[in-house]
Amino acid sequence: MPDFYVSTHWRVKSDQETAFVNTWREALTWTKSAYPQLEHARLLRDEDDASHFVSFLEWADSETVDKWSADPEKERRQETLNTMCDSVDGGGYEEATRVG
């Protein structure tokens, strides 16, 4: 069961949406390979705004997130994604409650 979550809102530049999705998938495939404590990664696209994406990463522990966040390869991949965006806003979260 996940212990820690990372979520980001991405506002992707016009005509960059497909490249963004592919680059995000590549980045998170690398992340899962390098950090098996990543339990799940999802990228959602807003039905009403094709440039708005939300990512959810479920992690086994916050300590691994700290290591991943400091990894130069993660930073390189993050910068590539950021260049495709008009804005990026994210953070780390812990579960407050659950239904189901």
Protein backbone atom coordinates (compact mmCIF):
# COMPACT_ATOMS: atom_id res chain seq x y z
CA MET A 1 0.00 0.00 0.00
CA PRO A 2 1.42 3.43 -0.93
CA ASP A 3 2.81 5.54 1.89
CA PHE A 4 3.54 8.77 0.02
CA TYR A 5 2.19 10.51 -3.07
CA VAL A 6 3.53 13.07 -5.52
CA SER A 7 1.13 15.01 -7.72
CA THR A 8 1.79 17.66 -10.35
CA HIS A 9 -0.46 19.91 -12.42
CA TRP A 10 1.01 20.54 -15.85
CA ARG A 11 -0.12 23.25 -18.28
CA VAL A 12 1.35 22.06 -21.56
CA LYS A 13 2.16 24.43 -24.43
CA SER A 14 -0.12 24.27 -27.44
CA ASP A 15 0.83 21.51 -29.90
CA GLN A 16 3.20 19.90 -27.34
CA GLU A 17 0.62 17.55 -25.81
CA THR A 18 1.62 14.37 -27.66
CA ALA A 19 5.35 14.96 -27.13
CA PHE A 20 4.66 15.70 -23.46
CA VAL A 21 2.74 12.44 -22.93
CA ASN A 22 5.49 10.41 -24.64
CA THR A 23 8.26 12.15 -22.69
CA TRP A 24 6.39 11.74 -19.39
CA ARG A 25 5.92 8.02 -20.10
CA GLU A 26 9.65 7.63 -20.86
CA ALA A 27 10.60 9.53 -17.70
CA LEU A 28 8.35 7.43 -15.47
CA THR A 29 9.45 4.19 -17.13
CA TRP A 30 13.01 5.15 -16.18
CA THR A 31 11.85 6.10 -12.68
CA LYS A 32 10.11 2.74 -12.14
CA SER A 33 13.23 0.93 -13.32
CA ALA A 34 15.61 2.94 -11.14
CA TYR A 35 13.26 3.16 -8.14
CA PRO A 36 11.07 0.05 -7.79
CA GLN A 37 9.51 1.65 -4.72
CA LEU A 38 7.39 3.64 -7.19
CA GLU A 39 4.20 1.62 -7.00
CA HIS A 40 2.08 3.39 -9.63
CA ALA A 41 2.32 6.40 -11.91
CA ARG A 42 -0.64 7.89 -13.71
CA LEU A 43 -1.00 10.85 -16.05
CA LEU A 44 -4.53 12.21 -16.43
CA ARG A 45 -5.71 14.67 -19.07
CA ASP A 46 -8.47 17.20 -18.42
CA GLU A 47 -11.55 16.43 -20.54
CA ASP A 48 -12.36 20.13 -20.88
CA ASP A 49 -8.84 21.52 -21.33
CA ALA A 50 -6.51 19.44 -23.52
CA SER A 51 -3.46 21.35 -22.26
CA HIS A 52 -4.07 20.49 -18.57
CA PHE A 53 -2.58 17.27 -17.21
CA VAL A 54 -2.35 15.93 -13.66
CA SER A 55 0.14 13.25 -12.66
CA PHE A 56 -0.14 10.99 -9.59
CA LEU A 57 2.77 8.94 -8.33
CA GLU A 58 2.27 6.44 -5.52
CA TRP A 59 5.40 5.59 -3.54
CA ALA A 60 6.20 2.98 -0.90
CA ASP A 61 7.97 5.57 1.27
CA SER A 62 8.94 9.22 1.42
CA GLU A 63 12.66 8.45 1.83
CA THR A 64 12.81 7.04 -1.70
CA VAL A 65 11.03 10.15 -3.00
CA ASP A 66 13.78 12.24 -1.41
CA LYS A 67 16.46 10.16 -3.20
CA TRP A 68 14.57 10.33 -6.49
CA SER A 69 14.08 14.09 -6.15
CA ALA A 70 17.83 14.59 -5.73
CA ASP A 71 18.78 12.30 -8.62
CA PRO A 72 20.47 14.29 -11.44
CA GLU A 73 18.83 12.07 -14.07
CA LYS A 74 15.39 12.84 -12.61
CA GLU A 75 16.24 16.54 -12.69
CA ARG A 76 17.32 16.31 -16.34
CA ARG A 77 14.08 14.57 -17.30
CA GLN A 78 12.03 17.04 -15.26
CA GLU A 79 13.64 19.98 -17.07
CA THR A 80 12.79 18.42 -20.44
CA LEU A 81 9.16 18.12 -19.37
CA ASN A 82 9.13 21.65 -17.96
CA THR A 83 10.26 23.13 -21.29
CA MET A 84 7.06 21.76 -22.84
CA CYS A 85 4.91 23.56 -20.27
CA ASP A 86 3.61 27.04 -19.59
CA SER A 87 3.32 26.19 -15.89
CA VAL A 88 4.10 23.35 -13.50
CA ASP A 89 2.84 23.07 -9.92
CA GLY A 90 3.36 20.05 -7.72
CA GLY A 91 4.03 18.68 -4.29
CA GLY A 92 4.23 15.70 -1.99
CA TYR A 93 1.29 14.31 -0.05
CA GLU A 94 0.43 11.74 2.58
CA GLU A 95 -2.92 9.99 2.77
CA ALA A 96 -5.47 11.69 5.04
CA THR A 97 -8.29 9.15 4.61
CA ARG A 98 -9.57 6.49 2.26
CA VAL A 99 -12.92 5.12 1.12
CA GLY A 100 -13.02 1.64 -0.35
